[in-house]
C-alpha atoms as a PDB file:
ATOM      1  CA  MET A   1     172.506  49.293 -29.611  1.00  0.00           C
ATOM      2  CA  ALA A   2     176.251  49.081 -27.379  1.00  0.00           C
ATOM      3  CA  ILE A   3     177.727  51.036 -30.922  1.00  0.00           C
ATOM      4  CA  THR A   4     175.234  53.672 -30.263  1.00  0.00           C
ATOM      5  CA  ASN A   5     176.159  53.586 -25.921  1.00  0.00           C
ATOM      6  CA  ALA A   6     179.668  53.324 -26.500  1.00  0.00           C
ATOM      7  CA  LEU A   7     179.802  56.254 -29.647  1.00  0.00           C
ATOM      8  CA  SER A   8     177.543  58.694 -27.166  1.00  0.00           C
ATOM      9  CA  THR A   9     180.000  57.678 -23.826  1.00  0.00           C
ATOM     10  CA  TYR A  10     182.892  59.031 -26.645  1.00  0.00           C
ATOM     11  CA  ARG A  11     181.451  61.567 -27.475  1.00  0.00           C
ATOM     12  CA  GLU A  12     180.864  63.148 -23.508  1.00  0.00           C
ATOM     13  CA  ILE A  13     184.482  61.783 -22.217  1.00  0.00           C
ATOM     14  CA  ARG A  14     185.540  64.356 -25.605  1.00  0.00           C
ATOM     15  CA  ILE A  15     183.601  66.831 -24.285  1.00  0.00           C
ATOM     16  CA  LYS A  16     184.506  67.101 -20.675  1.00  0.00           C
ATOM     17  CA  THR A  17     188.178  67.305 -21.412  1.00  0.00           C
ATOM     18  CA  ALA A  18     188.281  69.503 -24.256  1.00  0.00           C
ATOM     19  CA  SER A  19     189.133  73.229 -23.463  1.00  0.00           C
ATOM     20  CA  GLN A  20     187.323  75.975 -23.637  1.00  0.00           C
ATOM     21  CA  GLY A  21     188.920  76.995 -27.115  1.00  0.00           C
ATOM     22  CA  GLN A  22     188.313  73.243 -28.002  1.00  0.00           C
ATOM     23  CA  LEU A  23     184.458  73.306 -27.198  1.00  0.00           C
ATOM     24  CA  VAL A  24     183.751  77.138 -29.115  1.00  0.00           C
ATOM     25  CA  ILE A  25     185.887  75.347 -32.514  1.00  0.00           C
ATOM     26  CA  MET A  26     183.036  72.049 -31.750  1.00  0.00           C
ATOM     27  CA  LEU A  27     180.241  74.271 -31.123  1.00  0.00           C
ATOM     28  CA  TYR A  28     181.302  76.347 -34.508  1.00  0.00           C
ATOM     29  CA  ASP A  29     181.390  72.455 -36.291  1.00  0.00           C
ATOM     30  CA  GLU A  30     177.813  72.150 -35.353  1.00  0.00           C
ATOM     31  CA  ALA A  31     176.442  74.617 -36.377  1.00  0.00           C
ATOM     32  CA  VAL A  32     178.237  74.156 -39.598  1.00  0.00           C
ATOM     33  CA  LYS A  33     176.555  71.082 -39.277  1.00  0.00           C
ATOM     34  CA  HIS A  34     173.790  72.022 -39.297  1.00  0.00           C
ATOM     35  CA  LEU A  35     173.343  74.830 -41.912  1.00  0.00           C
ATOM     36  CA  ASP A  36     174.803  72.334 -44.831  1.00  0.00           C
ATOM     37  CA  ARG A  37     172.075  69.577 -43.305  1.00  0.00           C
ATOM     38  CA  GLY A  38     169.652  72.709 -43.728  1.00  0.00           C
ATOM     39  CA  LEU A  39     171.050  74.203 -47.603  1.00  0.00           C
ATOM     40  CA  GLU A  40     170.931  70.662 -48.533  1.00  0.00           C
ATOM     41  CA  LEU A  41     167.229  69.524 -47.050  1.00  0.00           C
ATOM     42  CA  LEU A  42     166.587  72.914 -49.049  1.00  0.00           C
ATOM     43  CA  GLY A  43     167.332  71.800 -52.400  1.00  0.00           C
ATOM     44  CA  VAL A  44     164.784  73.979 -53.935  1.00  0.00           C
ATOM     45  CA  ASN A  45     163.172  72.450 -57.265  1.00  0.00           C
ATOM     46  CA  THR A  46     162.130  73.467 -60.407  1.00  0.00           C
ATOM     47  CA  SER A  47     159.219  75.146 -58.814  1.00  0.00           C
ATOM     48  CA  GLY A  48     161.415  78.462 -56.654  1.00  0.00           C
ATOM     49  CA  LYS A  49     159.634  76.658 -53.853  1.00  0.00           C
ATOM     50  CA  ALA A  50     161.369  74.566 -51.047  1.00  0.00           C
ATOM     51  CA  ASP A  51     159.631  70.859 -50.785  1.00  0.00           C
ATOM     52  CA  PRO A  52     157.013  70.938 -48.268  1.00  0.00           C
ATOM     53  CA  GLY A  53     157.550  68.434 -47.186  1.00  0.00           C
ATOM     54  CA  LYS A  54     161.319  69.590 -46.139  1.00  0.00           C
ATOM     55  CA  ILE A  55     160.231  72.420 -44.203  1.00  0.00           C
ATOM     56  CA  GLU A  56     160.265  71.120 -40.520  1.00  0.00           C
ATOM     57  CA  LYS A  57     163.797  69.709 -40.905  1.00  0.00           C
ATOM     58  CA  ILE A  58     165.091  72.670 -42.778  1.00  0.00           C
ATOM     59  CA  SER A  59     163.428  74.403 -39.664  1.00  0.00           C
ATOM     60  CA  LYS A  60     164.964  71.619 -36.831  1.00  0.00           C
ATOM     61  CA  SER A  61     167.951  72.311 -38.680  1.00  0.00           C
ATOM     62  CA  ILE A  62     168.183  76.699 -38.345  1.00  0.00           C
ATOM     63  CA  LEU A  63     166.895  76.517 -34.638  1.00  0.00           C
ATOM     64  CA  LYS A  64     169.726  74.080 -34.121  1.00  0.00           C
ATOM     65  CA  THR A  65     172.374  77.021 -35.241  1.00  0.00           C
ATOM     66  CA  GLN A  66     170.333  79.177 -33.106  1.00  0.00           C
ATOM     67  CA  GLU A  67     171.020  77.748 -30.371  1.00  0.00           C
ATOM     68  CA  ILE A  68     174.438  76.959 -31.006  1.00  0.00           C
ATOM     69  CA  ILE A  69     174.819  81.104 -31.783  1.00  0.00           C
ATOM     70  CA  THR A  70     173.101  81.661 -28.408  1.00  0.00           C
ATOM     71  CA  GLU A  71     175.544  79.646 -26.849  1.00  0.00           C
ATOM     72  CA  LEU A  72     178.303  81.150 -28.292  1.00  0.00           C
ATOM     73  CA  MET A  73     176.997  84.601 -26.874  1.00  0.00           C
ATOM     74  CA  VAL A  74     176.035  83.239 -23.554  1.00  0.00           C
ATOM     75  CA  SER A  75     180.179  82.329 -23.035  1.00  0.00           C
ATOM     76  CA  LEU A  76     181.341  85.544 -23.943  1.00  0.00           C
ATOM     77  CA  ASP A  77     183.842  87.414 -21.373  1.00  0.00           C
ATOM     78  CA  PHE A  78     183.046  90.455 -21.844  1.00  0.00           C
ATOM     79  CA  ASP A  79     185.535  91.946 -18.959  1.00  0.00           C
ATOM     80  CA  GLN A  80     188.200  89.283 -20.559  1.00  0.00           C
ATOM     81  CA  GLY A  81     187.380  89.957 -24.165  1.00  0.00           C
ATOM     82  CA  GLY A  82     186.910  93.724 -24.211  1.00  0.00           C
ATOM     83  CA  ASP A  83     185.251  95.182 -27.821  1.00  0.00           C
ATOM     84  CA  VAL A  84     185.859  90.987 -29.069  1.00  0.00           C
ATOM     85  CA  ALA A  85     183.975  89.841 -27.162  1.00  0.00           C
ATOM     86  CA  LYS A  86     181.194  92.929 -27.692  1.00  0.00           C
ATOM     87  CA  ASN A  87     180.951  92.822 -31.419  1.00  0.00           C
ATOM     88  CA  LEU A  88     180.875  88.839 -30.838  1.00  0.00           C
ATOM     89  CA  PHE A  89     177.876  89.494 -29.372  1.00  0.00           C
ATOM     90  CA  SER A  90     176.680  91.966 -32.284  1.00  0.00           C
ATOM     91  CA  LEU A  91     177.430  89.422 -34.952  1.00  0.00           C
ATOM     92  CA  TYR A  92     176.370  86.166 -32.923  1.00  0.00           C
ATOM     93  CA  THR A  93     172.908  88.307 -32.709  1.00  0.00           C
ATOM     94  CA  TRP A  94     172.877  89.691 -36.522  1.00  0.00           C
ATOM     95  CA  PHE A  95     173.318  85.948 -37.161  1.00  0.00           C
ATOM     96  CA  ASN A  96     169.699  84.522 -35.068  1.00  0.00           C
ATOM     97  CA  GLN A  97     167.948  87.529 -36.675  1.00  0.00           C
ATOM     98  CA  GLU A  98     168.931  86.724 -40.625  1.00  0.00           C
ATOM     99  CA  LEU A  99     169.103  82.970 -39.508  1.00  0.00           C
ATOM    100  CA  LEU A 100     164.938  83.907 -37.850  1.00  0.00           C
ATOM    101  CA  GLU A 101     164.267  85.568 -41.817  1.00  0.00           C
ATOM    102  CA  ALA A 102     166.385  82.682 -43.419  1.00  0.00           C
ATOM    103  CA  ASN A 103     164.635  80.336 -42.165  1.00  0.00           C
ATOM    104  CA  VAL A 104     160.601  81.859 -41.945  1.00  0.00           C
ATOM    105  CA  LYS A 105     161.812  83.055 -46.211  1.00  0.00           C
ATOM    106  CA  GLN A 106     163.187  79.650 -46.470  1.00  0.00           C
ATOM    107  CA  ASP A 107     166.229  82.103 -47.753  1.00  0.00           C
ATOM    108  CA  ALA A 108     169.008  79.544 -49.149  1.00  0.00           C
ATOM    109  CA  ARG A 109     171.013  82.253 -49.586  1.00  0.00           C
ATOM    110  CA  ARG A 110     171.022  84.339 -46.236  1.00  0.00           C
ATOM    111  CA  ILE A 111     171.346  80.553 -44.659  1.00  0.00           C
ATOM    112  CA  THR A 112     174.866  80.484 -47.028  1.00  0.00           C
ATOM    113  CA  ILE A 113     175.933  83.862 -45.900  1.00  0.00           C
ATOM    114  CA  ILE A 114     175.772  83.088 -42.064  1.00  0.00           C
ATOM    115  CA  ARG A 115     177.474  79.489 -42.624  1.00  0.00           C
ATOM    116  CA  ASN A 116     180.396  80.787 -44.757  1.00  0.00           C
ATOM    117  CA  MET A 117     180.491  83.446 -42.137  1.00  0.00           C
ATOM    118  CA  VAL A 118     180.614  80.808 -38.961  1.00  0.00           C
ATOM    119  CA  ASN A 119     183.290  78.601 -40.635  1.00  0.00           C
ATOM    120  CA  GLU A 120     185.448  81.624 -40.927  1.00  0.00           C
ATOM    121  CA  LEU A 121     185.010  82.492 -37.402  1.00  0.00           C
ATOM    122  CA  ARG A 122     186.023  78.356 -37.034  1.00  0.00           C
ATOM    123  CA  GLY A 123     188.795  78.906 -39.175  1.00  0.00           C
ATOM    124  CA  ALA A 124     189.979  81.818 -36.785  1.00  0.00           C
ATOM    125  CA  TRP A 125     189.328  80.087 -33.355  1.00  0.00           C
ATOM    126  CA  VAL A 126     191.563  76.966 -34.972  1.00  0.00           C
ATOM    127  CA  GLU A 127     194.306  79.179 -35.311  1.00  0.00           C
ATOM    128  CA  ILE A 128     194.189  81.020 -32.240  1.00  0.00           C
ATOM    129  CA  ILE A 129     193.804  77.166 -30.887  1.00  0.00           C
ATOM    130  CA  ALA A 130     197.181  76.375 -32.817  1.00  0.00           C
ATOM    131  CA  LYS A 131     199.047  79.254 -32.176  1.00  0.00           C
ATOM    132  CA  THR A 132     197.864  79.089 -27.832  1.00  0.00           C
ATOM    133  CA  SER A 133     199.377  75.563 -27.965  1.00  0.00           C
ATOM    134  CA  ALA A 134     202.523  76.000 -29.860  1.00  0.00           C
ATOM    135  CA  GLU A 135     203.566  78.925 -27.175  1.00  0.00           C
ATOM    136  CA  MET A 136     202.552  76.499 -24.511  1.00  0.00           C
ATOM    137  CA  VAL A 137     205.052  74.028 -25.862  1.00  0.00           C
ATOM    138  CA  ASN A 138     207.782  76.249 -26.478  1.00  0.00           C
ATOM    139  CA  ARG A 139     207.495  77.852 -22.950  1.00  0.00           C
ATOM    140  CA  PRO A 140     210.415  77.098 -20.657  1.00  0.00           C
ATOM    141  CA  VAL A 141     209.130  75.312 -17.482  1.00  0.00           C
ATOM    142  CA  GLY A 142     209.870  76.832 -14.151  1.00  0.00           C
ATOM    143  CA  GLY A 143     211.543  74.336 -11.577  1.00  0.00           C
ATOM    144  CA  VAL A 144     210.871  74.137  -8.834  1.00  0.00           C
ATOM    145  CA  ASN A 145     213.475  74.347  -5.971  1.00  0.00           C
ATOM    146  CA  ILE A 146     213.436  71.625  -3.758  1.00  0.00           C
ATOM    147  CA  ALA A 147     216.954  71.117  -2.531  1.00  0.00           C
ATOM    148  CA  GLY A 148     215.994  74.033   0.610  1.00  0.00           C
END
């Protein structure tokens, strides 16, 4: 029980102290994790159909991913993001539509496509954060004149 509480506390602190960019990466990580879980559970048997006993778990993984994608959608800043934010909104909308269809049809191909695209977006965010962090480190620090 103590380990569970410590892990929960760690996760909470990690989220509260993360930058906006790090939070986006965390959301992408969770989306990929849930899609991987759904694909793992979907493991099609020899009849070509998903195991009926796993359908609810598969559905929950896909629905959790849709919730994450929706969270990414509502976090977009259209004023500062301009066309990039608009394009991401369209892409996220498409992701959710595809995931809905994939869930209904238990379609591993669609899930895999979305999973790979989400992972590519995650990689792009990692690069952006790394570049931004490097620029901040290399930026000269302005001094304060306290002598008067």
